[in-house]
């Protein structure tokens, strides 16, 4: 990231302070093209200064209210995010790779929708998903296949699954009583159950334990448009992974505080005592970065060059938090 230099005159700027700011900032851009040079002002322009800038076609220096460190100076950008369509399993893998750092969840336009954090996953692990979630959420077969690492033997992409998973771990009589159309059935190597489930119109059949599937079962699944998938996991692990295939928006929290890149570091410090990180949003609620507690351990001091003065009392507020890397002044 290029260094940012602020060239600033004194408060209540007159014409020579503005000219000095523009002139020296222009020189620095020519000498140091890799740096971002900001020619600023600390107050409103005088009428005669406005006239001269307009007459000679110079842009007005940007108003700089202070040089206190801002979130944009310390945040991590771009931020690693999760998407609303991703499964709990996929987001959990991202969290693991990031050392369990909270992840902002965004929609297709990059707008912030919530936060996914390790404690939310711990809640699911220890308490399970609420019945209202598991029974009210459509099953996303693509998410399930990725989560269980399944091999698709028969695909029926137009088949929509109901919000119910059944495990065939009982007698045939009990299974037949419970089979319903369009549900997801998890079964072992019982060919009789597999054929009965297909005949009853289940939406998808997952065969566990890397068990071979009979040709007759495959043919029946094709005929009845039933998704047929095999997995290497045993039944318990398969069901566990299916449970983790629900969309992340069923687990994420939406009450997460956030900040903007222009917020002062000191203003967000208190928020970071209660949360591990804050998503940084722009004016359209898009995530542009993330700031964490560790980011505040390495504060960034803004670099300032003073022109047409050398008095702290005439300098920009927050000058004590900045590094003064140059002074160009004719008064002393």
C-alpha atoms as a PDB file:
ATOM      1  CA  UNK A   1       0.000   0.000   0.000  1.00  0.00           C
ATOM      2  CA  UNK A   2       1.531   3.379  -0.940  1.00  0.00           C
ATOM      3  CA  UNK A   3       2.490   5.807   1.813  1.00  0.00           C
ATOM      4  CA  UNK A   4       0.091   8.681   2.327  1.00  0.00           C
ATOM      5  CA  UNK A   5       1.526  12.149   2.925  1.00  0.00           C
ATOM      6  CA  UNK A   6      -0.592  15.073   4.060  1.00  0.00           C
ATOM      7  CA  UNK A   7       0.676  18.513   3.072  1.00  0.00           C
ATOM      8  CA  UNK A   8      -1.070  20.988   5.348  1.00  0.00           C
ATOM      9  CA  UNK A   9      -0.905  24.699   5.993  1.00  0.00           C
ATOM     10  CA  UNK A  10      -2.109  26.507   9.089  1.00  0.00           C
ATOM     11  CA  UNK A  11      -5.595  27.030  10.429  1.00  0.00           C
ATOM     12  CA  UNK A  12      -7.680  29.801   8.854  1.00  0.00           C
ATOM     13  CA  UNK A  13      -5.667  29.443   5.638  1.00  0.00           C
ATOM     14  CA  UNK A  14      -4.760  32.475   3.576  1.00  0.00           C
ATOM     15  CA  UNK A  15      -3.720  32.479  -0.077  1.00  0.00           C
ATOM     16  CA  UNK A  16      -0.008  31.904   0.483  1.00  0.00           C
ATOM     17  CA  UNK A  17      -0.723  28.888   2.724  1.00  0.00           C
ATOM     18  CA  UNK A  18      -2.938  27.356   0.036  1.00  0.00           C
ATOM     19  CA  UNK A  19      -0.398  28.096  -2.697  1.00  0.00           C
ATOM     20  CA  UNK A  20       2.367  26.554  -0.585  1.00  0.00           C
ATOM     21  CA  UNK A  21       0.227  23.457  -0.026  1.00  0.00           C
ATOM     22  CA  UNK A  22      -0.593  22.983  -3.707  1.00  0.00           C
ATOM     23  CA  UNK A  23       2.944  23.754  -4.858  1.00  0.00           C
ATOM     24  CA  UNK A  24       4.749  21.426  -2.479  1.00  0.00           C
ATOM     25  CA  UNK A  25       2.217  18.606  -2.928  1.00  0.00           C
ATOM     26  CA  UNK A  26       2.697  18.849  -6.703  1.00  0.00           C
ATOM     27  CA  UNK A  27       6.482  18.683  -6.301  1.00  0.00           C
ATOM     28  CA  UNK A  28       6.188  15.604  -4.076  1.00  0.00           C
ATOM     29  CA  UNK A  29       3.997  13.820  -6.616  1.00  0.00           C
ATOM     30  CA  UNK A  30       6.651  14.396  -9.262  1.00  0.00           C
ATOM     31  CA  UNK A  31       9.469  13.254  -6.976  1.00  0.00           C
ATOM     32  CA  UNK A  32       7.669  10.357  -5.269  1.00  0.00           C
ATOM     33  CA  UNK A  33       5.069   9.003  -7.735  1.00  0.00           C
ATOM     34  CA  UNK A  34       4.525   5.846  -5.655  1.00  0.00           C
ATOM     35  CA  UNK A  35       3.248   7.830  -2.663  1.00  0.00           C
ATOM     36  CA  UNK A  36      -0.275   9.158  -2.209  1.00  0.00           C
ATOM     37  CA  UNK A  37       0.043  12.881  -1.531  1.00  0.00           C
ATOM     38  CA  UNK A  38      -2.945  14.778  -0.128  1.00  0.00           C
ATOM     39  CA  UNK A  39      -2.890  18.568  -0.376  1.00  0.00           C
ATOM     40  CA  UNK A  40      -5.260  19.700   2.344  1.00  0.00           C
ATOM     41  CA  UNK A  41      -6.634  22.730   4.123  1.00  0.00           C
ATOM     42  CA  UNK A  42      -7.697  23.229   7.732  1.00  0.00           C
ATOM     43  CA  UNK A  43     -10.575  25.632   7.194  1.00  0.00           C
ATOM     44  CA  UNK A  44     -12.722  27.558   4.693  1.00  0.00           C
ATOM     45  CA  UNK A  45     -11.037  29.438   1.876  1.00  0.00           C
ATOM     46  CA  UNK A  46     -11.021  33.197   1.655  1.00  0.00           C
ATOM     47  CA  UNK A  47     -12.916  34.752  -1.283  1.00  0.00           C
ATOM     48  CA  UNK A  48      -9.748  35.980  -2.974  1.00  0.00           C
ATOM     49  CA  UNK A  49      -8.224  32.488  -2.731  1.00  0.00           C
ATOM     50  CA  UNK A  50     -11.314  30.947  -4.304  1.00  0.00           C
ATOM     51  CA  UNK A  51     -11.098  33.485  -7.132  1.00  0.00           C
ATOM     52  CA  UNK A  52      -7.444  32.707  -7.836  1.00  0.00           C
ATOM     53  CA  UNK A  53      -7.947  28.938  -7.819  1.00  0.00           C
ATOM     54  CA  UNK A  54     -10.871  29.239 -10.236  1.00  0.00           C
ATOM     55  CA  UNK A  55      -9.045  31.683 -12.502  1.00  0.00           C
ATOM     56  CA  UNK A  56      -5.941  29.507 -12.853  1.00  0.00           C
ATOM     57  CA  UNK A  57      -7.800  26.180 -12.849  1.00  0.00           C
ATOM     58  CA  UNK A  58      -6.476  24.595  -9.667  1.00  0.00           C
ATOM     59  CA  UNK A  59      -8.651  22.197  -7.634  1.00  0.00           C
ATOM     60  CA  UNK A  60      -9.489  23.194  -4.072  1.00  0.00           C
ATOM     61  CA  UNK A  61      -7.396  21.334  -1.478  1.00  0.00           C
ATOM     62  CA  UNK A  62      -9.436  18.808   0.491  1.00  0.00           C
ATOM     63  CA  UNK A  63     -10.674  19.786   3.947  1.00  0.00           C
ATOM     64  CA  UNK A  64      -8.781  17.780   6.592  1.00  0.00           C
ATOM     65  CA  UNK A  65     -10.552  18.100   9.963  1.00  0.00           C
ATOM     66  CA  UNK A  66      -7.896  16.083  11.831  1.00  0.00           C
ATOM     67  CA  UNK A  67      -5.158  13.496  11.362  1.00  0.00           C
ATOM     68  CA  UNK A  68      -6.142  11.098  14.092  1.00  0.00           C
ATOM     69  CA  UNK A  69      -5.668   7.467  12.964  1.00  0.00           C
ATOM     70  CA  UNK A  70      -8.726   6.087  11.215  1.00  0.00           C
ATOM     71  CA  UNK A  71     -10.031   2.581  10.744  1.00  0.00           C
ATOM     72  CA  UNK A  72      -9.022   2.715   7.082  1.00  0.00           C
ATOM     73  CA  UNK A  73      -5.402   3.116   8.184  1.00  0.00           C
ATOM     74  CA  UNK A  74      -5.312  -0.163  10.138  1.00  0.00           C
ATOM     75  CA  UNK A  75      -8.018  -2.424   8.668  1.00  0.00           C
ATOM     76  CA  UNK A  76      -7.385  -5.575   6.636  1.00  0.00           C
ATOM     77  CA  UNK A  77      -8.603  -5.071   3.087  1.00  0.00           C
ATOM     78  CA  UNK A  78      -9.957  -6.796   1.138  1.00  0.00           C
ATOM     79  CA  UNK A  79     -11.677  -8.874   3.791  1.00  0.00           C
ATOM     80  CA  UNK A  80     -12.280 -12.600   3.570  1.00  0.00           C
ATOM     81  CA  UNK A  81     -16.060 -13.032   3.536  1.00  0.00           C
ATOM     82  CA  UNK A  82     -18.734 -15.707   3.327  1.00  0.00           C
ATOM     83  CA  UNK A  83     -21.715 -15.611   0.985  1.00  0.00           C
ATOM     84  CA  UNK A  84     -25.340 -16.156   1.931  1.00  0.00           C
ATOM     85  CA  UNK A  85     -25.524 -19.190  -0.366  1.00  0.00           C
ATOM     86  CA  UNK A  86     -22.617 -21.008   1.278  1.00  0.00           C
ATOM     87  CA  UNK A  87     -23.279 -23.840   3.681  1.00  0.00           C
ATOM     88  CA  UNK A  88     -22.383 -23.956   7.358  1.00  0.00           C
ATOM     89  CA  UNK A  89     -19.832 -26.631   6.453  1.00  0.00           C
ATOM     90  CA  UNK A  90     -18.086 -24.469   3.827  1.00  0.00           C
ATOM     91  CA  UNK A  91     -18.004 -21.406   6.075  1.00  0.00           C
ATOM     92  CA  UNK A  92     -16.658 -23.551   8.893  1.00  0.00           C
ATOM     93  CA  UNK A  93     -13.744 -24.572   6.674  1.00  0.00           C
ATOM     94  CA  UNK A  94     -12.989 -20.899   5.998  1.00  0.00           C
ATOM     95  CA  UNK A  95     -13.099 -20.138   9.712  1.00  0.00           C
ATOM     96  CA  UNK A  96     -10.660 -22.964  10.373  1.00  0.00           C
ATOM     97  CA  UNK A  97      -8.209 -21.642   7.760  1.00  0.00           C
ATOM     98  CA  UNK A  98      -8.432 -18.140   9.260  1.00  0.00           C
ATOM     99  CA  UNK A  99      -7.781 -19.250  12.802  1.00  0.00           C
ATOM    100  CA  UNK A 100     -11.453 -18.928  13.808  1.00  0.00           C
ATOM    101  CA  UNK A 101     -11.596 -15.210  13.055  1.00  0.00           C
ATOM    102  CA  UNK A 102     -15.200 -13.982  12.568  1.00  0.00           C
ATOM    103  CA  UNK A 103     -16.356 -13.796   8.952  1.00  0.00           C
ATOM    104  CA  UNK A 104     -18.676 -11.127   7.513  1.00  0.00           C
ATOM    105  CA  UNK A 105     -21.509 -12.654   5.480  1.00  0.00           C
ATOM    106  CA  UNK A 106     -22.475 -10.784   2.308  1.00  0.00           C
ATOM    107  CA  UNK A 107     -25.117 -10.973  -0.397  1.00  0.00           C
ATOM    108  CA  UNK A 108     -24.543 -11.076  -4.161  1.00  0.00           C
ATOM    109  CA  UNK A 109     -23.855  -7.317  -4.230  1.00  0.00           C
ATOM    110  CA  UNK A 110     -21.284  -7.506  -1.444  1.00  0.00           C
ATOM    111  CA  UNK A 111     -23.607  -5.922   1.126  1.00  0.00           C
ATOM    112  CA  UNK A 112     -23.165  -6.882   4.751  1.00  0.00           C
ATOM    113  CA  UNK A 113     -25.846  -9.236   6.080  1.00  0.00           C
ATOM    114  CA  UNK A 114     -24.427 -10.774   9.235  1.00  0.00           C
ATOM    115  CA  UNK A 115     -21.468 -12.353  10.971  1.00  0.00           C
ATOM    116  CA  UNK A 116     -20.399 -16.006  11.274  1.00  0.00           C
ATOM    117  CA  UNK A 117     -18.220 -16.827  14.247  1.00  0.00           C
ATOM    118  CA  UNK A 118     -16.822 -19.913  15.956  1.00  0.00           C
ATOM    119  CA  UNK A 119     -19.168 -19.508  18.905  1.00  0.00           C
ATOM    120  CA  UNK A 120     -22.162 -19.840  16.580  1.00  0.00           C
ATOM    121  CA  UNK A 121     -20.785 -23.153  15.361  1.00  0.00           C
ATOM    122  CA  UNK A 122     -20.143 -24.230  18.942  1.00  0.00           C
ATOM    123  CA  UNK A 123     -23.773 -23.512  19.760  1.00  0.00           C
ATOM    124  CA  UNK A 124     -24.883 -25.732  16.878  1.00  0.00           C
ATOM    125  CA  UNK A 125     -22.491 -28.463  17.996  1.00  0.00           C
ATOM    126  CA  UNK A 126     -23.534 -28.505  21.647  1.00  0.00           C
ATOM    127  CA  UNK A 127     -27.242 -27.681  21.354  1.00  0.00           C
ATOM    128  CA  UNK A 128     -28.032 -28.726  17.799  1.00  0.00           C
ATOM    129  CA  UNK A 129     -30.092 -26.742  15.353  1.00  0.00           C
ATOM    130  CA  UNK A 130     -33.482 -25.507  16.434  1.00  0.00           C
ATOM    131  CA  UNK A 131     -36.274 -27.714  15.134  1.00  0.00           C
ATOM    132  CA  UNK A 132     -37.802 -24.663  13.477  1.00  0.00           C
ATOM    133  CA  UNK A 133     -34.626 -24.351  11.414  1.00  0.00           C
ATOM    134  CA  UNK A 134     -34.166 -27.986  10.475  1.00  0.00           C
ATOM    135  CA  UNK A 135     -37.838 -28.499   9.656  1.00  0.00           C
ATOM    136  CA  UNK A 136     -38.355 -25.169   7.893  1.00  0.00           C
ATOM    137  CA  UNK A 137     -35.349 -24.986   5.603  1.00  0.00           C
ATOM    138  CA  UNK A 138     -35.355 -26.439   2.099  1.00  0.00           C
ATOM    139  CA  UNK A 139     -32.541 -28.896   1.582  1.00  0.00           C
ATOM    140  CA  UNK A 140     -29.925 -27.685  -0.898  1.00  0.00           C
ATOM    141  CA  UNK A 141     -28.652 -30.802  -2.614  1.00  0.00           C
ATOM    142  CA  UNK A 142     -25.559 -29.092  -4.068  1.00  0.00           C
ATOM    143  CA  UNK A 143     -24.555 -27.992  -0.554  1.00  0.00           C
ATOM    144  CA  UNK A 144     -25.181 -31.515   0.753  1.00  0.00           C
ATOM    145  CA  UNK A 145     -23.070 -33.147  -1.960  1.00  0.00           C
ATOM    146  CA  UNK A 146     -20.157 -30.808  -1.257  1.00  0.00           C
ATOM    147  CA  UNK A 147     -20.459 -31.280   2.498  1.00  0.00           C
ATOM    148  CA  UNK A 148     -20.554 -35.096   2.405  1.00  0.00           C
ATOM    149  CA  UNK A 149     -18.074 -35.398  -0.466  1.00  0.00           C
ATOM    150  CA  UNK A 150     -20.613 -37.445  -2.381  1.00  0.00           C
ATOM    151  CA  UNK A 151     -20.385 -39.137  -5.756  1.00  0.00           C
ATOM    152  CA  UNK A 152     -23.499 -38.603  -7.862  1.00  0.00           C
ATOM    153  CA  UNK A 153     -24.660 -41.766  -9.618  1.00  0.00           C
ATOM    154  CA  UNK A 154     -27.997 -40.357 -10.789  1.00  0.00           C
ATOM    155  CA  UNK A 155     -28.776 -36.642 -10.992  1.00  0.00           C
ATOM    156  CA  UNK A 156     -32.282 -35.204 -11.017  1.00  0.00           C
ATOM    157  CA  UNK A 157     -31.575 -31.469 -10.957  1.00  0.00           C
ATOM    158  CA  UNK A 158     -35.235 -30.510 -11.387  1.00  0.00           C
ATOM    159  CA  UNK A 159     -36.219 -32.409  -8.237  1.00  0.00           C
ATOM    160  CA  UNK A 160     -36.804 -30.163  -5.216  1.00  0.00           C
ATOM    161  CA  UNK A 161     -36.247 -31.749  -1.815  1.00  0.00           C
ATOM    162  CA  UNK A 162     -38.513 -31.297   1.162  1.00  0.00           C
ATOM    163  CA  UNK A 163     -37.183 -30.133   4.500  1.00  0.00           C
ATOM    164  CA  UNK A 164     -36.867 -33.620   5.966  1.00  0.00           C
ATOM    165  CA  UNK A 165     -34.036 -36.127   6.365  1.00  0.00           C
ATOM    166  CA  UNK A 166     -34.738 -39.739   7.306  1.00  0.00           C
ATOM    167  CA  UNK A 167     -32.278 -42.483   8.284  1.00  0.00           C
ATOM    168  CA  UNK A 168     -33.252 -46.041   7.331  1.00  0.00           C
ATOM    169  CA  UNK A 169     -32.137 -47.702  10.568  1.00  0.00           C
ATOM    170  CA  UNK A 170     -35.231 -49.755  11.378  1.00  0.00           C
ATOM    171  CA  UNK A 171     -37.273 -52.644  10.109  1.00  0.00           C
ATOM    172  CA  UNK A 172     -38.703 -52.586   6.608  1.00  0.00           C
ATOM    173  CA  UNK A 173     -42.211 -52.334   8.027  1.00  0.00           C
ATOM    174  CA  UNK A 174     -41.306 -49.229  10.067  1.00  0.00           C
ATOM    175  CA  UNK A 175     -39.450 -47.687   7.161  1.00  0.00           C
ATOM    176  CA  UNK A 176     -42.405 -48.108   4.792  1.00  0.00           C
ATOM    177  CA  UNK A 177     -44.674 -46.369   7.290  1.00  0.00           C
ATOM    178  CA  UNK A 178     -42.386 -43.336   7.405  1.00  0.00           C
ATOM    179  CA  UNK A 179     -41.327 -42.950   3.785  1.00  0.00           C
ATOM    180  CA  UNK A 180     -42.713 -39.824   2.132  1.00  0.00           C
ATOM    181  CA  UNK A 181     -42.256 -38.240  -1.313  1.00  0.00           C
ATOM    182  CA  UNK A 182     -39.383 -35.805  -1.929  1.00  0.00           C
ATOM    183  CA  UNK A 183     -37.540 -36.423   1.349  1.00  0.00           C
ATOM    184  CA  UNK A 184     -33.837 -37.256   1.676  1.00  0.00           C
ATOM    185  CA  UNK A 185     -33.164 -40.812   2.804  1.00  0.00           C
ATOM    186  CA  UNK A 186     -29.835 -42.004   4.225  1.00  0.00           C
ATOM    187  CA  UNK A 187     -29.356 -45.775   3.936  1.00  0.00           C
ATOM    188  CA  UNK A 188     -26.649 -48.426   4.013  1.00  0.00           C
ATOM    189  CA  UNK A 189     -26.300 -51.441   1.710  1.00  0.00           C
ATOM    190  CA  UNK A 190     -29.924 -52.573   1.954  1.00  0.00           C
ATOM    191  CA  UNK A 191     -31.023 -52.950  -1.649  1.00  0.00           C
ATOM    192  CA  UNK A 192     -34.609 -53.736  -0.638  1.00  0.00           C
ATOM    193  CA  UNK A 193     -34.890 -50.431   1.248  1.00  0.00           C
ATOM    194  CA  UNK A 194     -33.263 -48.525  -1.610  1.00  0.00           C
ATOM    195  CA  UNK A 195     -35.768 -49.886  -4.151  1.00  0.00           C
ATOM    196  CA  UNK A 196     -38.724 -49.303  -1.829  1.00  0.00           C
ATOM    197  CA  UNK A 197     -37.656 -45.711  -1.207  1.00  0.00           C
ATOM    198  CA  UNK A 198     -37.324 -45.019  -4.920  1.00  0.00           C
ATOM    199  CA  UNK A 199     -40.731 -46.563  -5.550  1.00  0.00           C
ATOM    200  CA  UNK A 200     -42.259 -44.355  -2.846  1.00  0.00           C
ATOM    201  CA  UNK A 201     -40.828 -41.258  -4.565  1.00  0.00           C
ATOM    202  CA  UNK A 202     -38.108 -40.007  -2.227  1.00  0.00           C
ATOM    203  CA  UNK A 203     -36.280 -37.017  -3.670  1.00  0.00           C
ATOM    204  CA  UNK A 204     -32.750 -38.208  -2.955  1.00  0.00           C
ATOM    205  CA  UNK A 205     -31.048 -41.336  -1.693  1.00  0.00           C
ATOM    206  CA  UNK A 206     -27.620 -41.294  -0.034  1.00  0.00           C
ATOM    207  CA  UNK A 207     -25.910 -44.677   0.270  1.00  0.00           C
ATOM    208  CA  UNK A 208     -23.257 -44.639   3.013  1.00  0.00           C
ATOM    209  CA  UNK A 209     -20.060 -46.578   3.696  1.00  0.00           C
ATOM    210  CA  UNK A 210     -18.793 -46.723   0.096  1.00  0.00           C
ATOM    211  CA  UNK A 211     -21.201 -49.580  -0.471  1.00  0.00           C
ATOM    212  CA  UNK A 212     -21.743 -50.632  -4.098  1.00  0.00           C
ATOM    213  CA  UNK A 213     -25.133 -49.825  -5.590  1.00  0.00           C
ATOM    214  CA  UNK A 214     -26.913 -52.484  -7.627  1.00  0.00           C
ATOM    215  CA  UNK A 215     -27.565 -51.816 -11.305  1.00  0.00           C
ATOM    216  CA  UNK A 216     -31.291 -52.317 -10.689  1.00  0.00           C
ATOM    217  CA  UNK A 217     -31.293 -49.540  -8.113  1.00  0.00           C
ATOM    218  CA  UNK A 218     -29.531 -47.178 -10.506  1.00  0.00           C
ATOM    219  CA  UNK A 219     -32.021 -48.002 -13.267  1.00  0.00           C
ATOM    220  CA  UNK A 220     -34.963 -47.429 -10.940  1.00  0.00           C
ATOM    221  CA  UNK A 221     -33.533 -44.082  -9.802  1.00  0.00           C
ATOM    222  CA  UNK A 222     -33.165 -42.947 -13.414  1.00  0.00           C
ATOM    223  CA  UNK A 223     -36.712 -44.008 -14.229  1.00  0.00           C
ATOM    224  CA  UNK A 224     -38.254 -42.257 -11.187  1.00  0.00           C
ATOM    225  CA  UNK A 225     -35.938 -39.213 -11.319  1.00  0.00           C
ATOM    226  CA  UNK A 226     -34.438 -39.779  -7.877  1.00  0.00           C
ATOM    227  CA  UNK A 227     -31.045 -38.327  -6.987  1.00  0.00           C
ATOM    228  CA  UNK A 228     -28.723 -41.194  -6.089  1.00  0.00           C
ATOM    229  CA  UNK A 229     -25.481 -40.443  -4.245  1.00  0.00           C
ATOM    230  CA  UNK A 230     -22.820 -42.561  -2.583  1.00  0.00           C
ATOM    231  CA  UNK A 231     -20.483 -41.437   0.218  1.00  0.00           C
ATOM    232  CA  UNK A 232     -17.538 -43.010   1.989  1.00  0.00           C
ATOM    233  CA  UNK A 233     -18.645 -41.904   5.474  1.00  0.00           C
ATOM    234  CA  UNK A 234     -20.565 -44.075   7.865  1.00  0.00           C
ATOM    235  CA  UNK A 235     -24.168 -43.141   8.586  1.00  0.00           C
ATOM    236  CA  UNK A 236     -23.557 -41.051  11.715  1.00  0.00           C
ATOM    237  CA  UNK A 237     -20.909 -38.897  10.051  1.00  0.00           C
ATOM    238  CA  UNK A 238     -23.066 -38.515   6.939  1.00  0.00           C
ATOM    239  CA  UNK A 239     -26.014 -37.211   8.930  1.00  0.00           C
ATOM    240  CA  UNK A 240     -23.686 -34.904  10.848  1.00  0.00           C
ATOM    241  CA  UNK A 241     -22.420 -33.407   7.591  1.00  0.00           C
ATOM    242  CA  UNK A 242     -25.936 -33.091   6.174  1.00  0.00           C
ATOM    243  CA  UNK A 243     -26.803 -31.109   9.278  1.00  0.00           C
ATOM    244  CA  UNK A 244     -23.916 -28.763   8.401  1.00  0.00           C
ATOM    245  CA  UNK A 245     -25.089 -28.268   4.818  1.00  0.00           C
ATOM    246  CA  UNK A 246     -27.791 -25.723   5.643  1.00  0.00           C
ATOM    247  CA  UNK A 247     -27.180 -22.145   4.420  1.00  0.00           C
ATOM    248  CA  UNK A 248     -25.085 -19.978   6.714  1.00  0.00           C
ATOM    249  CA  UNK A 249     -27.912 -17.456   7.086  1.00  0.00           C
ATOM    250  CA  UNK A 250     -29.649 -19.987   9.351  1.00  0.00           C
ATOM    251  CA  UNK A 251     -26.773 -19.766  11.836  1.00  0.00           C
ATOM    252  CA  UNK A 252     -25.216 -16.305  11.425  1.00  0.00           C
ATOM    253  CA  UNK A 253     -26.001 -13.380  13.702  1.00  0.00           C
ATOM    254  CA  UNK A 254     -27.386 -10.113  12.374  1.00  0.00           C
ATOM    255  CA  UNK A 255     -26.823  -7.960  15.456  1.00  0.00           C
ATOM    256  CA  UNK A 256     -23.109  -7.408  14.795  1.00  0.00           C
ATOM    257  CA  UNK A 257     -21.844  -3.806  15.148  1.00  0.00           C
ATOM    258  CA  UNK A 258     -19.847  -2.359  12.258  1.00  0.00           C
ATOM    259  CA  UNK A 259     -17.844   0.735  11.399  1.00  0.00           C
ATOM    260  CA  UNK A 260     -16.617   2.750   8.414  1.00  0.00           C
ATOM    261  CA  UNK A 261     -13.128   3.412   7.118  1.00  0.00           C
ATOM    262  CA  UNK A 262     -13.415   7.059   8.248  1.00  0.00           C
ATOM    263  CA  UNK A 263     -14.256   6.224  11.867  1.00  0.00           C
ATOM    264  CA  UNK A 264     -11.521   7.137  14.320  1.00  0.00           C
ATOM    265  CA  UNK A 265      -9.546   4.237  15.752  1.00  0.00           C
ATOM    266  CA  UNK A 266     -10.210   5.496  19.266  1.00  0.00           C
ATOM    267  CA  UNK A 267     -13.957   5.490  18.636  1.00  0.00           C
ATOM    268  CA  UNK A 268     -14.031   1.791  17.677  1.00  0.00           C
ATOM    269  CA  UNK A 269     -11.650   0.628  20.388  1.00  0.00           C
ATOM    270  CA  UNK A 270     -14.457   0.250  22.938  1.00  0.00           C
ATOM    271  CA  UNK A 271     -16.554  -1.817  20.497  1.00  0.00           C
ATOM    272  CA  UNK A 272     -13.662  -4.236  20.087  1.00  0.00           C
ATOM    273  CA  UNK A 273     -13.706  -5.002  23.802  1.00  0.00           C
ATOM    274  CA  UNK A 274     -16.946  -6.938  23.304  1.00  0.00           C
ATOM    275  CA  UNK A 275     -16.412  -8.384  19.792  1.00  0.00           C
ATOM    276  CA  UNK A 276     -13.304  -9.827  18.148  1.00  0.00           C
ATOM    277  CA  UNK A 277     -13.623  -7.886  14.914  1.00  0.00           C
ATOM    278  CA  UNK A 278     -15.724  -5.284  13.137  1.00  0.00           C
ATOM    279  CA  UNK A 279     -16.704  -5.341   9.471  1.00  0.00           C
ATOM    280  CA  UNK A 280     -15.882  -2.071   7.721  1.00  0.00           C
ATOM    281  CA  UNK A 281     -18.649  -0.871   5.418  1.00  0.00           C
ATOM    282  CA  UNK A 282     -18.887   1.786   2.740  1.00  0.00           C
ATOM    283  CA  UNK A 283     -21.868   4.081   2.174  1.00  0.00           C
ATOM    284  CA  UNK A 284     -23.715   1.298   0.300  1.00  0.00           C
ATOM    285  CA  UNK A 285     -23.227  -1.230   3.148  1.00  0.00           C
ATOM    286  CA  UNK A 286     -20.643  -3.173   1.137  1.00  0.00           C
ATOM    287  CA  UNK A 287     -17.830  -4.798   3.107  1.00  0.00           C
ATOM    288  CA  UNK A 288     -14.530  -3.065   2.267  1.00  0.00           C
ATOM    289  CA  UNK A 289     -12.447  -4.500   5.079  1.00  0.00           C
ATOM    290  CA  UNK A 290     -12.344  -5.813   8.622  1.00  0.00           C
ATOM    291  CA  UNK A 291     -10.648  -4.432  11.735  1.00  0.00           C
ATOM    292  CA  UNK A 292      -9.622  -6.690  14.622  1.00  0.00           C
ATOM    293  CA  UNK A 293      -8.225  -6.211  18.098  1.00  0.00           C
ATOM    294  CA  UNK A 294      -4.773  -7.157  16.903  1.00  0.00           C
ATOM    295  CA  UNK A 295      -4.924  -4.407  14.262  1.00  0.00           C
ATOM    296  CA  UNK A 296      -5.117  -1.846  17.071  1.00  0.00           C
ATOM    297  CA  UNK A 297      -1.901  -3.163  18.600  1.00  0.00           C
ATOM    298  CA  UNK A 298       0.017  -1.646  15.690  1.00  0.00           C
ATOM    299  CA  UNK A 299      -1.360   1.888  15.307  1.00  0.00           C
ATOM    300  CA  UNK A 300      -0.523   3.734  12.111  1.00  0.00           C
ATOM    301  CA  UNK A 301       0.716   7.293  12.468  1.00  0.00           C
ATOM    302  CA  UNK A 302      -0.257   9.545   9.587  1.00  0.00           C
ATOM    303  CA  UNK A 303       2.616  11.374   7.912  1.00  0.00           C
ATOM    304  CA  UNK A 304       2.305  15.140   7.754  1.00  0.00           C
ATOM    305  CA  UNK A 305       4.341  17.900   6.128  1.00  0.00           C
ATOM    306  CA  UNK A 306       3.734  21.406   7.466  1.00  0.00           C
ATOM    307  CA  UNK A 307       3.917  24.384   5.102  1.00  0.00           C
ATOM    308  CA  UNK A 308       3.754  28.113   5.890  1.00  0.00           C
ATOM    309  CA  UNK A 309       3.880  27.505   9.661  1.00  0.00           C
ATOM    310  CA  UNK A 310       5.650  25.514  12.355  1.00  0.00           C
ATOM    311  CA  UNK A 311       3.432  26.030  15.396  1.00  0.00           C
ATOM    312  CA  UNK A 312       1.575  23.149  16.989  1.00  0.00           C
ATOM    313  CA  UNK A 313      -1.215  25.516  18.001  1.00  0.00           C
ATOM    314  CA  UNK A 314      -1.756  26.372  14.317  1.00  0.00           C
ATOM    315  CA  UNK A 315      -1.563  22.785  13.109  1.00  0.00           C
ATOM    316  CA  UNK A 316      -4.260  20.258  12.354  1.00  0.00           C
ATOM    317  CA  UNK A 317      -6.002  18.599  15.336  1.00  0.00           C
ATOM    318  CA  UNK A 318      -4.377  15.260  16.114  1.00  0.00           C
ATOM    319  CA  UNK A 319      -0.904  16.423  15.047  1.00  0.00           C
ATOM    320  CA  UNK A 320       0.466  14.827  18.249  1.00  0.00           C
ATOM    321  CA  UNK A 321      -0.572  11.398  16.904  1.00  0.00           C
ATOM    322  CA  UNK A 322       1.114  11.948  13.526  1.00  0.00           C
ATOM    323  CA  UNK A 323       4.699  11.839  12.290  1.00  0.00           C
ATOM    324  CA  UNK A 324       5.873  15.259  11.083  1.00  0.00           C
ATOM    325  CA  UNK A 325       8.219  14.322   8.255  1.00  0.00           C
ATOM    326  CA  UNK A 326       8.870  17.814   6.925  1.00  0.00           C
ATOM    327  CA  UNK A 327       8.426  21.532   7.558  1.00  0.00           C
ATOM    328  CA  UNK A 328       8.621  24.183   4.853  1.00  0.00           C
ATOM    329  CA  UNK A 329       8.234  27.594   6.481  1.00  0.00           C
ATOM    330  CA  UNK A 330       9.601  31.114   6.017  1.00  0.00           C
ATOM    331  CA  UNK A 331       8.624  32.518   9.394  1.00  0.00           C
ATOM    332  CA  UNK A 332      11.489  31.107  11.446  1.00  0.00           C
END
